[in-house]
Amino acid sequence: MPTILITGAASGIGRASAMLFASRGWRCVLVDCNATALAQLMQTLTAATGVAGGKHLVRTVDLTQATQIQTLADASLALDAIINNAGMSDTSGLSLVDQDAAQLDRLVALNLRAPALVVQALLPQLVPGARVVNVASGAALRAIPLRGAYSATKAGLLAQTQALAAARPDLAVSVLCPGFVRTELVAELIDIGRLQPADVVAKIPLGRMADPQEMAEALFFLASEAAGPLSGERFSLDGGSSVFGGSTPFKSAEFLPLPSDSPVAYRLAGNPATPWTAALPVEGATSAPGQYTATIDFSCLHAHSGQMLHTVHEAARCYAGQNAAHSSLTVLLPAHDPAASWQQAGDMAAARMLIATLACELGPRAMRVNAIEMDPAVCPSALAPLLRFVAGARAQFLTGQTIRAHAA
């Protein structure tokens, strides 16, 4: 039975993740400072799974205290994955220059110091090839005024994740950057008038906030063995808000997402090579009501020098002409070639930005566009689970992203 430790497990994304991992047969070590909420979660897990509470463990720990983090170490407990999900925002509404060092340090302690201390304390317990997933935020990519050091600490966590991946290549380390999710924290910001739902949605191409369950699905994938090709990568699950730079606001979504367990009709386009057709056998290729349609396009792998932008454009035109709402296009891009001339760099950058632009334009139609930039040494069978996740119904808040996949 695989075992995972989840911090911030008593509410929001952490609670949804604990429920999902438990339902799929994982043993969970649930960490939070709220003992009452942890006990309630344990009762829920027991009722939902029908398994005695002894299967899972709870640890009431204040992660802002380094000495308490050390108590998480347990040499008798092997861990397959860690999810550093605990975090906090600043709801004071004060500008940074009006805050003292103590206010700043609350966020630094939980959002930035604690994830590193948790990993350090638990390293001896990690099995070979274990996964470490840090939960940052879309705020790590841009400054958000009047939220204290929130953006700064989340940007620090993003960099820390990438440094850990480089220092420990034996682990699969990744970082999830959620966009706006309907958690208790977001509800609080809405209640006190710090967030206006219409203003939030106006910046999201998919026209909606995410549900915690959607983040849980991403964390389940990132904590699985299938996430090996993503070590060191940022996974932005934000409905396209991180790539949107326009001034015209988006309207609320006309199409609500399908259930995450909806059947998926996979379609391979762009003349995939035989190893890919073997690794990605087409299932349910004929669309049916309630089915999600996922197109995976290989044409860019055959594109001539200087033609990447046009090839992405043509792939998108074909996809848009054959699909409607509740569908996705995932384009495979070749990895950067260090031997390529400097003149060719512009074409690849243009292609990546075109992916983002297409996602913004097609998002209101509940059509998603992403790309996987592929290391040529990646084995098709190793990459297939990532492609299925990105393209399928479990990632319906993921759009506009170019994700780099590495060889194991």
Protein backbone atom coordinates (compact mmCIF):
# COMPACT_ATOMS: atom_id res chain seq x y z
CA MET A 1 0.00 0.00 0.00
CA PRO A 2 1.57 3.36 -1.01
CA THR A 3 1.84 5.98 1.72
CA ILE A 4 1.69 9.75 1.39
CA LEU A 5 2.14 12.61 3.85
CA ILE A 6 -0.06 15.66 3.20
CA THR A 7 0.36 18.95 5.06
CA GLY A 8 -2.55 21.34 5.41
CA ALA A 9 -4.77 18.26 5.15
CA ALA A 10 -7.73 19.46 7.22
CA SER A 11 -9.28 21.87 4.71
CA GLY A 12 -9.44 23.01 1.09
CA ILE A 13 -7.14 21.37 -1.41
CA GLY A 14 -5.47 19.28 1.29
CA ARG A 15 -8.75 17.80 2.48
CA ALA A 16 -9.92 17.05 -1.07
CA SER A 17 -6.57 15.40 -1.76
CA ALA A 18 -6.73 13.25 1.36
CA MET A 19 -10.20 12.07 0.35
CA LEU A 20 -9.02 11.22 -3.16
CA PHE A 21 -5.83 9.40 -2.15
CA ALA A 22 -7.69 7.40 0.50
CA SER A 23 -10.42 6.43 -1.97
CA ARG A 24 -7.75 5.08 -4.33
CA GLY A 25 -6.09 2.88 -1.76
CA TRP A 26 -3.31 5.09 -0.38
CA ARG A 27 -2.43 5.31 3.27
CA CYS A 28 -2.44 8.97 4.33
CA VAL A 29 -0.44 10.74 7.01
CA LEU A 30 -2.56 13.83 7.62
CA VAL A 31 -0.77 16.90 9.01
CA ASP A 32 -2.45 20.09 10.20
CA CYS A 33 -2.51 22.43 13.19
CA ASN A 34 -6.30 22.05 13.56
CA ALA A 35 -6.82 18.94 15.68
CA THR A 36 -10.62 19.16 15.56
CA ALA A 37 -10.71 19.38 11.78
CA LEU A 38 -8.23 16.50 11.49
CA ALA A 39 -10.46 14.31 13.69
CA GLN A 40 -13.47 15.17 11.54
CA LEU A 41 -11.50 14.33 8.40
CA MET A 42 -10.48 10.99 9.87
CA GLN A 43 -14.12 10.16 10.59
CA THR A 44 -15.04 11.12 7.04
CA LEU A 45 -12.29 8.96 5.55
CA THR A 46 -13.36 6.00 7.66
CA ALA A 47 -17.01 6.41 6.66
CA ALA A 48 -16.20 6.93 2.99
CA THR A 49 -13.75 4.06 2.56
CA GLY A 50 -15.17 1.65 5.11
CA VAL A 51 -11.65 1.11 6.45
CA ALA A 52 -10.78 1.32 10.12
CA GLY A 53 -9.20 4.61 11.16
CA GLY A 54 -5.93 2.90 11.99
CA LYS A 55 -5.08 2.75 8.30
CA HIS A 56 -4.44 6.50 8.26
CA LEU A 57 -2.43 8.62 10.68
CA VAL A 58 -2.95 12.15 11.96
CA ARG A 59 -0.26 14.53 13.16
CA THR A 60 -1.28 17.78 14.85
CA VAL A 61 1.67 20.04 14.12
CA ASP A 62 2.20 23.79 13.86
CA LEU A 63 4.40 23.97 10.79
CA THR A 64 5.56 27.48 11.62
CA GLN A 65 7.55 25.91 14.48
CA ALA A 66 10.72 24.12 13.33
CA THR A 67 10.88 21.99 16.47
CA GLN A 68 7.38 20.64 15.85
CA ILE A 69 8.23 19.77 12.24
CA GLN A 70 10.99 17.51 13.52
CA THR A 71 8.38 15.40 15.33
CA LEU A 72 7.06 14.24 11.94
CA ALA A 73 10.11 12.01 11.47
CA ASP A 74 9.27 8.32 11.95
CA ALA A 75 11.91 5.85 10.85
CA SER A 76 9.36 3.02 10.86
CA LEU A 77 7.16 4.70 8.24
CA ALA A 78 8.29 4.58 4.59
CA LEU A 79 6.86 7.33 2.39
CA ASP A 80 6.17 7.14 -1.34
CA ALA A 81 5.29 10.82 -1.61
CA ILE A 82 5.06 14.12 0.25
CA ILE A 83 2.66 16.92 -0.59
CA ASN A 84 3.62 20.25 0.99
CA ASN A 85 0.20 21.85 0.73
CA ALA A 86 -0.05 23.93 3.92
CA GLY A 87 0.04 27.67 3.37
CA MET A 88 -1.55 30.96 4.31
CA SER A 89 -2.33 34.31 2.77
CA ASP A 90 -2.41 37.79 4.26
CA THR A 91 -5.94 39.10 4.81
CA SER A 92 -5.02 42.29 6.70
CA GLY A 93 -5.30 44.54 3.66
CA LEU A 94 -2.20 46.44 4.75
CA SER A 95 0.54 47.47 2.36
CA LEU A 96 3.94 45.91 2.92
CA VAL A 97 5.47 49.14 4.22
CA ASP A 98 2.75 49.27 6.90
CA GLN A 99 3.54 45.76 8.15
CA ASP A 100 6.21 44.89 10.67
CA ALA A 101 8.70 42.03 10.40
CA ALA A 102 6.55 39.74 12.55
CA GLN A 103 3.62 39.95 10.12
CA LEU A 104 5.94 39.22 7.23
CA ASP A 105 7.56 36.27 8.98
CA ARG A 106 4.26 34.44 9.58
CA LEU A 107 3.96 33.85 5.85
CA VAL A 108 7.66 33.16 5.39
CA ALA A 109 7.61 30.53 8.13
CA LEU A 110 4.70 28.52 6.71
CA ASN A 111 4.90 29.15 2.96
CA LEU A 112 8.65 29.03 2.45
CA ARG A 113 10.57 27.62 5.41
CA ALA A 114 8.20 24.80 6.38
CA PRO A 115 8.25 22.89 3.05
CA ALA A 116 12.04 22.70 3.14
CA LEU A 117 12.08 21.62 6.78
CA VAL A 118 9.42 18.96 6.15
CA VAL A 119 11.41 17.45 3.29
CA GLN A 120 14.63 17.60 5.26
CA ALA A 121 13.04 15.86 8.25
CA LEU A 122 11.50 13.11 6.14
CA LEU A 123 14.27 12.43 3.61
CA PRO A 124 15.44 9.25 5.40
CA GLN A 125 11.91 7.82 5.07
CA LEU A 126 11.48 8.38 1.33
CA VAL A 127 11.54 5.25 -0.81
CA PRO A 128 13.71 5.24 -3.97
CA GLY A 129 12.05 7.36 -6.65
CA ALA A 130 9.69 9.03 -4.17
CA ARG A 131 7.76 12.09 -5.26
CA VAL A 132 7.82 15.51 -3.56
CA VAL A 133 5.10 17.94 -4.62
CA ASN A 134 5.05 21.51 -3.34
CA VAL A 135 1.89 23.57 -3.68
CA ALA A 136 2.77 27.15 -4.61
CA SER A 137 0.28 29.45 -6.34
CA GLY A 138 -0.36 31.43 -9.46
CA ALA A 139 0.73 34.32 -7.23
CA ALA A 140 4.27 32.96 -7.54
CA LEU A 141 4.29 34.24 -11.14
CA ARG A 142 3.10 37.80 -10.56
CA ALA A 143 2.86 40.37 -7.80
CA ILE A 144 -0.46 40.73 -5.97
CA PRO A 145 -0.62 43.98 -3.98
CA LEU A 146 -2.09 44.09 -0.47
CA ARG A 147 -1.56 40.38 0.16
CA GLY A 148 1.61 40.89 2.19
CA ALA A 149 4.46 38.53 1.37
CA TYR A 150 2.18 35.94 -0.22
CA SER A 151 3.48 36.33 -3.79
CA ALA A 152 7.06 36.62 -2.55
CA THR A 153 6.92 33.44 -0.46
CA LYS A 154 5.22 31.45 -3.19
CA ALA A 155 7.82 32.63 -5.72
CA GLY A 156 10.46 31.49 -3.26
CA LEU A 157 8.80 28.08 -2.98
CA LEU A 158 8.79 27.74 -6.76
CA ALA A 159 12.53 28.40 -6.93
CA GLN A 160 13.15 26.15 -3.93
CA THR A 161 11.35 23.29 -5.69
CA GLN A 162 13.48 23.62 -8.79
CA ALA A 163 16.65 23.72 -6.69
CA LEU A 164 15.60 20.58 -4.79
CA ALA A 165 14.96 18.78 -8.08
CA ALA A 166 18.46 19.66 -9.26
CA ALA A 167 20.05 18.66 -5.95
CA ARG A 168 18.16 15.36 -5.67
CA PRO A 169 17.68 13.88 -9.15
CA ASP A 170 16.86 10.55 -7.48
CA LEU A 171 13.51 12.06 -6.46
CA ALA A 172 10.66 13.26 -8.67
CA VAL A 173 10.09 16.84 -7.50
CA SER A 174 7.42 19.13 -8.92
CA VAL A 175 5.38 22.18 -7.97
CA LEU A 176 1.68 22.81 -8.49
CA CYS A 177 0.62 26.42 -9.04
CA PRO A 178 -3.15 26.59 -8.58
CA GLY A 179 -5.18 29.47 -9.88
CA PHE A 180 -8.33 30.60 -8.10
CA VAL A 181 -9.90 27.65 -6.30
CA ARG A 182 -13.12 27.75 -4.27
CA THR A 183 -11.42 26.94 -0.96
CA GLU A 184 -12.21 28.28 2.50
CA LEU A 185 -9.41 30.83 2.04
CA VAL A 186 -10.92 32.21 -1.17
CA ALA A 187 -14.38 32.20 0.42
CA GLU A 188 -13.01 34.29 3.29
CA LEU A 189 -11.45 36.80 0.89
CA ILE A 190 -14.78 37.06 -0.94
CA ASP A 191 -16.71 37.48 2.33
CA ILE A 192 -14.52 40.36 3.51
CA GLY A 193 -14.69 42.06 0.12
CA ARG A 194 -11.08 41.47 -0.85
CA LEU A 195 -12.12 39.42 -3.91
CA GLN A 196 -15.00 40.00 -6.28
CA PRO A 197 -15.96 36.75 -8.07
CA ALA A 198 -16.87 38.54 -11.30
CA ASP A 199 -13.50 40.31 -11.34
CA VAL A 200 -11.69 37.01 -10.77
CA VAL A 201 -13.54 35.18 -13.55
CA ALA A 202 -12.88 38.10 -15.92
CA LYS A 203 -9.19 37.10 -15.98
CA ILE A 204 -9.71 33.35 -16.51
CA PRO A 205 -10.12 32.16 -20.12
CA LEU A 206 -12.16 29.14 -18.99
CA GLY A 207 -14.54 31.54 -17.25
CA ARG A 208 -14.72 29.90 -13.83
CA MET A 209 -12.86 29.14 -10.63
CA ALA A 210 -11.69 25.61 -9.95
CA ASP A 211 -13.05 23.14 -7.45
CA PRO A 212 -10.62 21.70 -4.86
CA GLN A 213 -11.27 18.27 -6.37
CA GLU A 214 -9.59 19.41 -9.61
CA MET A 215 -6.43 20.31 -7.70
CA ALA A 216 -6.61 16.98 -5.90
CA GLU A 217 -6.65 15.14 -9.23
CA ALA A 218 -3.50 17.01 -10.30
CA LEU A 219 -1.78 16.27 -7.01
CA PHE A 220 -2.71 12.60 -7.29
CA PHE A 221 -1.04 12.48 -10.70
CA LEU A 222 2.05 14.41 -9.56
CA ALA A 223 2.44 12.11 -6.56
CA SER A 224 2.26 8.98 -8.72
CA GLU A 225 5.10 7.15 -10.42
CA ALA A 226 3.80 8.44 -13.76
CA ALA A 227 5.02 11.95 -12.89
CA GLY A 228 8.71 11.02 -13.23
CA PRO A 229 9.23 12.98 -16.50
CA LEU A 230 8.11 16.19 -14.74
CA SER A 231 10.85 16.47 -12.10
CA GLY A 232 11.67 20.12 -11.51
CA GLU A 233 8.69 21.34 -13.50
CA ARG A 234 5.97 23.84 -12.69
CA PHE A 235 2.41 22.62 -13.26
CA SER A 236 0.12 25.66 -13.54
CA LEU A 237 -3.51 24.64 -13.11
CA ASP A 238 -5.25 27.98 -13.39
CA GLY A 239 -7.75 27.99 -16.24
CA GLY A 240 -5.28 29.96 -18.37
CA SER A 241 -5.09 33.01 -16.09
CA SER A 242 -1.28 32.91 -15.95
CA VAL A 243 -0.96 33.25 -19.73
CA PHE A 244 -3.72 35.82 -20.28
CA GLY A 245 -2.52 39.33 -21.00
CA GLY A 246 -5.53 40.90 -22.68
CA SER A 247 -7.80 43.70 -21.51
CA THR A 248 -11.19 42.31 -22.59
CA PRO A 249 -12.80 40.52 -19.61
CA PHE A 250 -14.03 36.96 -19.89
CA LYS A 251 -17.64 36.11 -19.10
CA SER A 252 -18.72 33.37 -16.74
CA ALA A 253 -18.40 29.93 -18.29
CA GLU A 254 -21.24 28.85 -20.53
CA PHE A 255 -20.13 25.22 -20.25
CA LEU A 256 -19.49 23.67 -16.85
CA PRO A 257 -16.82 20.95 -16.68
CA LEU A 258 -17.72 17.31 -17.09
CA PRO A 259 -17.16 14.96 -14.14
CA SER A 260 -13.47 14.10 -13.81
CA ASP A 261 -14.17 10.40 -14.32
CA SER A 262 -15.97 10.96 -17.63
CA PRO A 263 -14.94 8.61 -20.44
CA VAL A 264 -12.39 10.11 -22.85
CA ALA A 265 -12.25 9.69 -26.62
CA TYR A 266 -8.55 9.94 -27.54
CA ARG A 267 -7.58 10.93 -31.06
CA LEU A 268 -4.03 10.89 -32.43
CA ALA A 269 -3.27 13.43 -35.16
CA GLY A 270 -0.22 14.57 -37.08
CA ASN A 271 1.16 11.21 -38.22
CA PRO A 272 2.45 9.70 -34.95
CA ALA A 273 5.29 7.19 -35.23
CA THR A 274 4.62 3.53 -34.47
CA PRO A 275 6.06 3.62 -30.92
CA TRP A 276 3.52 6.31 -30.06
CA THR A 277 0.54 4.45 -31.49
CA ALA A 278 1.65 1.42 -29.48
CA ALA A 279 2.01 3.47 -26.27
CA LEU A 280 -1.23 5.39 -26.83
CA PRO A 281 -3.79 2.96 -28.22
CA VAL A 282 -6.88 4.93 -29.22
CA GLU A 283 -9.83 4.21 -26.95
CA GLY A 284 -13.36 5.43 -27.53
CA ALA A 285 -12.36 7.35 -30.63
CA THR A 286 -16.01 7.94 -31.53
CA SER A 287 -17.50 10.76 -29.48
CA ALA A 288 -20.60 10.12 -27.43
CA PRO A 289 -22.77 12.23 -25.08
CA GLY A 290 -21.02 12.91 -21.79
CA GLN A 291 -17.64 11.98 -23.26
CA TYR A 292 -14.55 14.19 -23.25
CA THR A 293 -12.64 14.42 -26.55
CA ALA A 294 -8.84 14.60 -26.41
CA THR A 295 -6.70 15.24 -29.49
CA ILE A 296 -2.96 14.60 -29.20
CA ASP A 297 -1.10 16.10 -32.16
CA PHE A 298 2.39 14.98 -33.30
CA SER A 299 2.80 17.19 -36.38
CA CYS A 300 5.37 19.52 -34.77
CA LEU A 301 7.75 16.57 -34.32
CA HIS A 302 7.95 16.43 -38.12
CA ALA A 303 8.08 20.18 -38.78
CA HIS A 304 10.92 21.68 -40.79
CA SER A 305 13.17 24.34 -39.33
CA GLY A 306 11.39 27.68 -39.07
CA GLN A 307 7.93 26.14 -39.50
CA MET A 308 6.99 25.41 -35.89
CA LEU A 309 4.64 28.38 -35.50
CA HIS A 310 2.77 27.56 -38.71
CA THR A 311 2.57 23.89 -37.80
CA VAL A 312 0.97 24.66 -34.42
CA HIS A 313 -1.45 27.00 -36.17
CA GLU A 314 -2.51 24.36 -38.67
CA ALA A 315 -2.92 21.73 -35.93
CA ALA A 316 -5.17 24.13 -34.03
CA ARG A 317 -7.25 24.91 -37.14
CA CYS A 318 -7.83 21.20 -37.73
CA TYR A 319 -8.71 20.62 -34.09
CA ALA A 320 -11.13 23.57 -33.89
CA GLY A 321 -12.84 22.49 -37.10
CA GLN A 322 -13.50 18.98 -35.78
CA ASN A 323 -14.34 19.60 -32.11
CA ALA A 324 -16.58 21.60 -29.81
CA ALA A 325 -16.97 22.11 -26.05
CA HIS A 326 -15.43 19.64 -23.59
CA SER A 327 -12.40 18.85 -25.70
CA SER A 328 -8.66 19.43 -25.67
CA LEU A 329 -5.71 19.75 -28.01
CA THR A 330 -2.30 18.67 -26.72
CA VAL A 331 0.60 19.42 -29.06
CA LEU A 332 3.91 17.59 -28.79
CA LEU A 333 6.84 19.96 -29.31
CA PRO A 334 10.49 18.97 -29.76
CA ALA A 335 12.83 20.00 -26.97
CA HIS A 336 15.20 22.90 -27.48
CA ASP A 337 18.15 21.88 -29.63
CA PRO A 338 21.33 23.53 -28.29
CA ALA A 339 22.95 23.04 -31.71
CA ALA A 340 20.22 25.05 -33.46
CA SER A 341 21.07 28.48 -34.84
CA TRP A 342 20.04 31.57 -32.94
CA GLN A 343 17.66 32.48 -35.76
CA GLN A 344 15.54 29.40 -34.97
CA ALA A 345 14.96 30.39 -31.33
CA GLY A 346 12.27 32.87 -32.31
CA ASP A 347 10.14 30.26 -34.04
CA MET A 348 10.00 28.01 -30.96
CA ALA A 349 9.18 30.90 -28.61
CA ALA A 350 6.48 32.07 -31.01
CA ALA A 351 4.99 28.56 -31.08
CA ARG A 352 4.81 28.42 -27.28
CA MET A 353 3.11 31.82 -27.12
CA LEU A 354 0.70 30.72 -29.85
CA ILE A 355 -0.32 27.81 -27.62
CA ALA A 356 -1.13 30.31 -24.85
CA THR A 357 -3.00 32.62 -27.23
CA LEU A 358 -5.08 29.78 -28.64
CA ALA A 359 -5.97 28.71 -25.10
CA CYS A 360 -7.22 32.22 -24.30
CA GLU A 361 -9.30 32.38 -27.49
CA LEU A 362 -10.80 28.90 -27.22
CA GLY A 363 -11.23 28.82 -23.43
CA PRO A 364 -14.71 30.42 -23.45
CA ARG A 365 -15.81 27.51 -25.66
CA ALA A 366 -14.58 24.97 -23.05
CA MET A 367 -11.81 23.93 -25.43
CA ARG A 368 -8.31 23.55 -23.96
CA VAL A 369 -4.90 23.87 -25.65
CA ASN A 370 -1.60 22.74 -24.09
CA ALA A 371 1.81 21.56 -25.26
CA ILE A 372 4.33 19.01 -24.04
CA GLU A 373 7.92 19.93 -24.88
CA MET A 374 9.57 16.55 -25.10
CA ASP A 375 13.13 15.48 -24.39
CA PRO A 376 14.03 13.23 -27.37
CA ALA A 377 15.28 10.57 -24.95
CA VAL A 378 11.86 10.21 -23.30
CA CYS A 379 10.35 6.80 -23.92
CA PRO A 380 6.80 6.96 -25.36
CA SER A 381 5.52 4.49 -22.78
CA ALA A 382 6.95 6.68 -19.97
CA LEU A 383 5.32 9.81 -21.38
CA ALA A 384 1.94 8.26 -22.22
CA PRO A 385 0.43 8.68 -18.70
CA LEU A 386 1.32 12.39 -18.72
CA LEU A 387 -0.27 12.87 -22.14
CA ARG A 388 -3.43 11.08 -21.05
CA PHE A 389 -3.71 13.19 -17.91
CA VAL A 390 -3.05 16.54 -19.60
CA ALA A 391 -5.43 15.76 -22.47
CA GLY A 392 -8.17 14.07 -20.47
CA ALA A 393 -11.12 14.94 -18.27
CA ARG A 394 -9.13 14.97 -15.01
CA ALA A 395 -7.28 18.15 -16.08
CA GLN A 396 -10.14 20.39 -17.25
CA PHE A 397 -8.67 23.49 -15.54
CA LEU A 398 -5.32 23.11 -17.31
CA THR A 399 -4.89 25.23 -20.42
CA GLY A 400 -2.35 27.47 -22.14
CA GLN A 401 0.65 25.66 -20.65
CA THR A 402 3.82 24.30 -22.22
CA ILE A 403 5.10 21.54 -19.95
CA ARG A 404 8.62 20.17 -20.30
CA ALA A 405 9.03 16.42 -20.00
CA HIS A 406 12.46 15.03 -19.14
CA ALA A 407 14.03 11.64 -19.67
CA ALA A 408 14.18 9.53 -16.54
